[in-house]
Amino acid sequence: MSIQSNGFGDQVKEQDHETAELILSAVTDGEIISIEEVQDDLFSQKMIGDGYAIRPTSGVVYAPVSGKLIEVADAKHAYYIETDGGIKVLIHIGIDTLLLNGEGFQTSVEKNKRVEKGDRLVTFDQKFISERGFDTVIPVIVLEHNSVASLELFPTKKAKANETHALKIRLI
């Protein structure tokens, strides 16, 4: 077995198939939960993809991967990052927070710029969002891609942003 770096993480050659792993870190401090626990069918039913969610205890969200920031929602609640390998990751702060029209969010990045894993994307006011009746859970979704073979969740009650592994993506 030979191991080589490929930009995703470790690349391992197994039975004439090359596989790679992409590790998504926790986007903020909090509790990592399965995507099925999110109280919104769009996410819990995996209508746009699979992933994980985090119940935040911090108001700062960081990039879980490096890549090009291909979209920043006008309402500052959603961020799409495309890795160099073409994997697209959506970070969606809160449920139905689009309705806040950007209130309570302060973005730190611009669309079409490169972000590195661990870069701050946005700060948000949890209290403000909660007081307006919105859930602050943060779904992190891997959009459908033919090279994604499997996902492995690492649930934990005390995740640390940029340190705790949240999701392992096995790529083929």
C-alpha atoms as a PDB file:
ATOM      1  CA  MET A   1       0.000   0.000   0.000  1.00  0.00           C
ATOM      2  CA  SER A   2       1.407   3.400  -0.955  1.00  0.00           C
ATOM      3  CA  ILE A   3       0.360   6.707   0.525  1.00  0.00           C
ATOM      4  CA  GLN A   4       0.598   9.992  -1.373  1.00  0.00           C
ATOM      5  CA  SER A   5      -0.765  13.442  -0.733  1.00  0.00           C
ATOM      6  CA  ASN A   6      -3.308  14.648  -3.278  1.00  0.00           C
ATOM      7  CA  GLY A   7      -4.629  17.893  -1.822  1.00  0.00           C
ATOM      8  CA  PHE A   8      -7.634  16.203  -0.165  1.00  0.00           C
ATOM      9  CA  GLY A   9      -5.714  14.369   2.518  1.00  0.00           C
ATOM     10  CA  ASP A  10      -4.222  10.918   2.337  1.00  0.00           C
ATOM     11  CA  GLN A  11      -4.533   9.004  -0.902  1.00  0.00           C
ATOM     12  CA  VAL A  12      -4.371   5.256  -0.576  1.00  0.00           C
ATOM     13  CA  LYS A  13      -4.118   2.728  -3.429  1.00  0.00           C
ATOM     14  CA  GLU A  14      -6.322  -0.288  -2.717  1.00  0.00           C
ATOM     15  CA  GLN A  15      -7.148  -3.081  -5.165  1.00  0.00           C
ATOM     16  CA  ASP A  16      -6.415  -0.942  -8.246  1.00  0.00           C
ATOM     17  CA  HIS A  17      -8.810   1.760  -7.023  1.00  0.00           C
ATOM     18  CA  GLU A  18      -7.455   5.008  -5.726  1.00  0.00           C
ATOM     19  CA  THR A  19      -9.363   6.442  -2.826  1.00  0.00           C
ATOM     20  CA  ALA A  20      -8.904   9.694  -1.014  1.00  0.00           C
ATOM     21  CA  GLU A  21     -10.357  11.175   2.125  1.00  0.00           C
ATOM     22  CA  LEU A  22     -11.518  14.707   2.651  1.00  0.00           C
ATOM     23  CA  ILE A  23     -11.994  15.668   6.297  1.00  0.00           C
ATOM     24  CA  LEU A  24     -14.427  18.459   7.125  1.00  0.00           C
ATOM     25  CA  SER A  25     -13.675  20.145  10.415  1.00  0.00           C
ATOM     26  CA  ALA A  26     -16.269  21.609  12.747  1.00  0.00           C
ATOM     27  CA  VAL A  27     -17.303  25.014  11.374  1.00  0.00           C
ATOM     28  CA  THR A  28     -17.868  26.409  14.867  1.00  0.00           C
ATOM     29  CA  ASP A  29     -17.812  25.326  18.504  1.00  0.00           C
ATOM     30  CA  GLY A  30     -20.799  23.230  19.503  1.00  0.00           C
ATOM     31  CA  GLU A  31     -22.486  19.844  19.268  1.00  0.00           C
ATOM     32  CA  ILE A  32     -22.056  17.848  16.058  1.00  0.00           C
ATOM     33  CA  ILE A  33     -25.245  15.996  15.154  1.00  0.00           C
ATOM     34  CA  SER A  34     -26.473  13.926  12.223  1.00  0.00           C
ATOM     35  CA  ILE A  35     -28.124  15.787   9.383  1.00  0.00           C
ATOM     36  CA  GLU A  36     -31.290  13.745  10.000  1.00  0.00           C
ATOM     37  CA  GLU A  37     -31.732  15.566  13.342  1.00  0.00           C
ATOM     38  CA  VAL A  38     -32.145  18.980  11.678  1.00  0.00           C
ATOM     39  CA  GLN A  39     -35.720  20.252  12.008  1.00  0.00           C
ATOM     40  CA  ASP A  40     -36.070  21.080   8.316  1.00  0.00           C
ATOM     41  CA  ASP A  41     -36.973  18.513   5.652  1.00  0.00           C
ATOM     42  CA  LEU A  42     -34.719  20.091   3.025  1.00  0.00           C
ATOM     43  CA  PHE A  43     -31.735  19.124   5.155  1.00  0.00           C
ATOM     44  CA  SER A  44     -32.949  16.123   7.197  1.00  0.00           C
ATOM     45  CA  GLN A  45     -34.292  14.347   4.106  1.00  0.00           C
ATOM     46  CA  LYS A  46     -30.982  15.041   2.286  1.00  0.00           C
ATOM     47  CA  MET A  47     -32.771  16.746  -0.606  1.00  0.00           C
ATOM     48  CA  ILE A  48     -29.666  18.716  -1.624  1.00  0.00           C
ATOM     49  CA  GLY A  49     -27.030  16.383  -0.241  1.00  0.00           C
ATOM     50  CA  ASP A  50     -25.706  14.642   2.841  1.00  0.00           C
ATOM     51  CA  GLY A  51     -23.523  16.008   5.609  1.00  0.00           C
ATOM     52  CA  TYR A  52     -23.700  16.965   9.239  1.00  0.00           C
ATOM     53  CA  ALA A  53     -25.043  19.750  11.415  1.00  0.00           C
ATOM     54  CA  ILE A  54     -23.756  21.569  14.444  1.00  0.00           C
ATOM     55  CA  ARG A  55     -25.670  23.225  17.273  1.00  0.00           C
ATOM     56  CA  PRO A  56     -23.452  26.263  17.820  1.00  0.00           C
ATOM     57  CA  THR A  57     -22.109  27.554  21.105  1.00  0.00           C
ATOM     58  CA  SER A  58     -20.073  30.212  19.283  1.00  0.00           C
ATOM     59  CA  GLY A  59     -21.075  32.947  16.868  1.00  0.00           C
ATOM     60  CA  VAL A  60     -18.150  32.513  14.472  1.00  0.00           C
ATOM     61  CA  VAL A  61     -18.213  30.184  11.452  1.00  0.00           C
ATOM     62  CA  TYR A  62     -15.054  28.972   9.700  1.00  0.00           C
ATOM     63  CA  ALA A  63     -14.370  27.239   6.381  1.00  0.00           C
ATOM     64  CA  PRO A  64     -14.353  23.439   6.874  1.00  0.00           C
ATOM     65  CA  VAL A  65     -12.288  22.965   3.676  1.00  0.00           C
ATOM     66  CA  SER A  66     -10.056  24.963   1.356  1.00  0.00           C
ATOM     67  CA  GLY A  67     -11.316  26.036  -2.049  1.00  0.00           C
ATOM     68  CA  LYS A  68     -13.046  28.756  -4.039  1.00  0.00           C
ATOM     69  CA  LEU A  69     -15.959  30.521  -2.380  1.00  0.00           C
ATOM     70  CA  ILE A  70     -18.390  30.136  -5.264  1.00  0.00           C
ATOM     71  CA  GLU A  71     -21.392  31.721  -3.543  1.00  0.00           C
ATOM     72  CA  VAL A  72     -22.160  34.016  -0.634  1.00  0.00           C
ATOM     73  CA  ALA A  73     -25.891  34.479  -0.139  1.00  0.00           C
ATOM     74  CA  ASP A  74     -27.099  38.077  -0.172  1.00  0.00           C
ATOM     75  CA  ALA A  75     -28.623  37.392   3.267  1.00  0.00           C
ATOM     76  CA  LYS A  76     -25.129  36.286   4.482  1.00  0.00           C
ATOM     77  CA  HIS A  77     -26.560  33.054   5.912  1.00  0.00           C
ATOM     78  CA  ALA A  78     -25.188  30.581   3.328  1.00  0.00           C
ATOM     79  CA  TYR A  79     -21.742  29.932   1.839  1.00  0.00           C
ATOM     80  CA  TYR A  80     -20.714  27.496  -0.918  1.00  0.00           C
ATOM     81  CA  ILE A  81     -17.090  26.370  -1.169  1.00  0.00           C
ATOM     82  CA  GLU A  82     -15.809  24.282  -4.080  1.00  0.00           C
ATOM     83  CA  THR A  83     -12.644  22.318  -3.342  1.00  0.00           C
ATOM     84  CA  ASP A  84      -9.853  22.009  -5.899  1.00  0.00           C
ATOM     85  CA  GLY A  85     -11.201  18.506  -6.558  1.00  0.00           C
ATOM     86  CA  GLY A  86     -14.677  19.809  -7.438  1.00  0.00           C
ATOM     87  CA  ILE A  87     -16.481  18.853  -4.219  1.00  0.00           C
ATOM     88  CA  LYS A  88     -19.026  21.520  -3.250  1.00  0.00           C
ATOM     89  CA  VAL A  89     -19.801  22.171   0.401  1.00  0.00           C
ATOM     90  CA  LEU A  90     -22.687  24.319   1.637  1.00  0.00           C
ATOM     91  CA  ILE A  91     -22.514  25.957   5.076  1.00  0.00           C
ATOM     92  CA  HIS A  92     -26.014  27.179   5.998  1.00  0.00           C
ATOM     93  CA  ILE A  93     -26.289  29.194   9.226  1.00  0.00           C
ATOM     94  CA  GLY A  94     -29.684  28.643  10.804  1.00  0.00           C
ATOM     95  CA  ILE A  95     -33.027  27.468   9.485  1.00  0.00           C
ATOM     96  CA  ASP A  96     -35.092  29.935   7.423  1.00  0.00           C
ATOM     97  CA  THR A  97     -32.582  32.683   8.304  1.00  0.00           C
ATOM     98  CA  LEU A  98     -32.823  33.927   4.717  1.00  0.00           C
ATOM     99  CA  LEU A  99     -35.877  35.802   6.043  1.00  0.00           C
ATOM    100  CA  LEU A 100     -33.594  37.978   8.214  1.00  0.00           C
ATOM    101  CA  ASN A 101     -32.185  39.613   5.043  1.00  0.00           C
ATOM    102  CA  GLY A 102     -28.665  39.672   6.483  1.00  0.00           C
ATOM    103  CA  GLU A 103     -29.593  41.107   9.878  1.00  0.00           C
ATOM    104  CA  GLY A 104     -27.507  39.457  12.584  1.00  0.00           C
ATOM    105  CA  PHE A 105     -24.754  38.370  10.168  1.00  0.00           C
ATOM    106  CA  GLN A 106     -21.374  39.968   9.443  1.00  0.00           C
ATOM    107  CA  THR A 107     -19.553  38.297   6.550  1.00  0.00           C
ATOM    108  CA  SER A 108     -15.754  38.195   6.411  1.00  0.00           C
ATOM    109  CA  VAL A 109     -15.302  36.962   2.821  1.00  0.00           C
ATOM    110  CA  GLU A 110     -16.143  37.729  -0.801  1.00  0.00           C
ATOM    111  CA  LYS A 111     -17.601  35.542  -3.518  1.00  0.00           C
ATOM    112  CA  ASN A 112     -15.123  34.076  -6.036  1.00  0.00           C
ATOM    113  CA  LYS A 113     -12.174  34.394  -3.650  1.00  0.00           C
ATOM    114  CA  ARG A 114     -10.110  31.497  -2.364  1.00  0.00           C
ATOM    115  CA  VAL A 115     -10.593  30.484   1.259  1.00  0.00           C
ATOM    116  CA  GLU A 116      -8.372  28.188   3.263  1.00  0.00           C
ATOM    117  CA  LYS A 117      -9.620  25.628   5.757  1.00  0.00           C
ATOM    118  CA  GLY A 118      -9.989  27.531   9.030  1.00  0.00           C
ATOM    119  CA  ASP A 119     -10.598  30.984   7.507  1.00  0.00           C
ATOM    120  CA  ARG A 120     -13.402  32.931   9.158  1.00  0.00           C
ATOM    121  CA  LEU A 121     -16.460  33.124   6.908  1.00  0.00           C
ATOM    122  CA  VAL A 122     -19.000  34.962   9.055  1.00  0.00           C
ATOM    123  CA  THR A 123     -19.961  36.003  12.538  1.00  0.00           C
ATOM    124  CA  PHE A 124     -23.579  35.822  13.600  1.00  0.00           C
ATOM    125  CA  ASP A 125     -25.611  36.957  16.587  1.00  0.00           C
ATOM    126  CA  GLN A 126     -27.120  33.798  18.076  1.00  0.00           C
ATOM    127  CA  LYS A 127     -29.265  35.687  20.551  1.00  0.00           C
ATOM    128  CA  PHE A 128     -30.687  38.003  17.867  1.00  0.00           C
ATOM    129  CA  ILE A 129     -31.495  35.048  15.587  1.00  0.00           C
ATOM    130  CA  SER A 130     -33.047  32.962  18.391  1.00  0.00           C
ATOM    131  CA  GLU A 131     -35.111  35.882  19.707  1.00  0.00           C
ATOM    132  CA  ARG A 132     -36.661  36.218  16.266  1.00  0.00           C
ATOM    133  CA  GLY A 133     -37.754  32.582  16.419  1.00  0.00           C
ATOM    134  CA  PHE A 134     -35.139  30.992  14.155  1.00  0.00           C
ATOM    135  CA  ASP A 135     -33.184  27.816  14.869  1.00  0.00           C
ATOM    136  CA  THR A 136     -29.420  28.525  14.864  1.00  0.00           C
ATOM    137  CA  VAL A 137     -28.370  24.971  13.882  1.00  0.00           C
ATOM    138  CA  ILE A 138     -25.789  24.961  11.083  1.00  0.00           C
ATOM    139  CA  PRO A 139     -26.145  22.278   8.398  1.00  0.00           C
ATOM    140  CA  VAL A 140     -22.936  21.554   6.474  1.00  0.00           C
ATOM    141  CA  ILE A 141     -23.882  19.764   3.267  1.00  0.00           C
ATOM    142  CA  VAL A 142     -21.769  17.946   0.691  1.00  0.00           C
ATOM    143  CA  LEU A 143     -23.586  18.477  -2.593  1.00  0.00           C
ATOM    144  CA  GLU A 144     -24.035  15.468  -4.859  1.00  0.00           C
ATOM    145  CA  HIS A 145     -20.818  14.523  -6.683  1.00  0.00           C
ATOM    146  CA  ASN A 146     -19.962  11.310  -8.503  1.00  0.00           C
ATOM    147  CA  SER A 147     -16.604  10.936  -6.733  1.00  0.00           C
ATOM    148  CA  VAL A 148     -18.155  10.778  -3.234  1.00  0.00           C
ATOM    149  CA  ALA A 149     -18.220   7.118  -2.181  1.00  0.00           C
ATOM    150  CA  SER A 150     -19.261   7.480   1.467  1.00  0.00           C
ATOM    151  CA  LEU A 151     -19.534   9.831   4.429  1.00  0.00           C
ATOM    152  CA  GLU A 152     -18.639   9.132   8.046  1.00  0.00           C
ATOM    153  CA  LEU A 153     -19.971  11.374  10.818  1.00  0.00           C
ATOM    154  CA  PHE A 154     -18.046  12.085  14.029  1.00  0.00           C
ATOM    155  CA  PRO A 155     -20.772  13.191  16.490  1.00  0.00           C
ATOM    156  CA  THR A 156     -19.629  14.899  19.674  1.00  0.00           C
ATOM    157  CA  LYS A 157     -21.119  17.212  22.280  1.00  0.00           C
ATOM    158  CA  LYS A 158     -18.058  19.500  22.534  1.00  0.00           C
ATOM    159  CA  ALA A 159     -16.632  20.182  19.103  1.00  0.00           C
ATOM    160  CA  LYS A 160     -13.973  22.877  18.721  1.00  0.00           C
ATOM    161  CA  ALA A 161     -13.985  24.908  15.521  1.00  0.00           C
ATOM    162  CA  ASN A 162     -11.125  24.033  13.155  1.00  0.00           C
ATOM    163  CA  GLU A 163      -9.883  21.286  15.490  1.00  0.00           C
ATOM    164  CA  THR A 164     -12.603  18.641  15.763  1.00  0.00           C
ATOM    165  CA  HIS A 165     -13.162  16.342  12.801  1.00  0.00           C
ATOM    166  CA  ALA A 166     -16.855  16.457  11.930  1.00  0.00           C
ATOM    167  CA  LEU A 167     -17.170  14.449   8.718  1.00  0.00           C
ATOM    168  CA  LYS A 168     -14.948  12.183   6.652  1.00  0.00           C
ATOM    169  CA  ILE A 169     -15.707  11.989   2.945  1.00  0.00           C
ATOM    170  CA  ARG A 170     -14.323   8.972   1.100  1.00  0.00           C
ATOM    171  CA  LEU A 171     -13.677   9.807  -2.544  1.00  0.00           C
ATOM    172  CA  ILE A 172     -13.092   7.512  -5.505  1.00  0.00           C
END
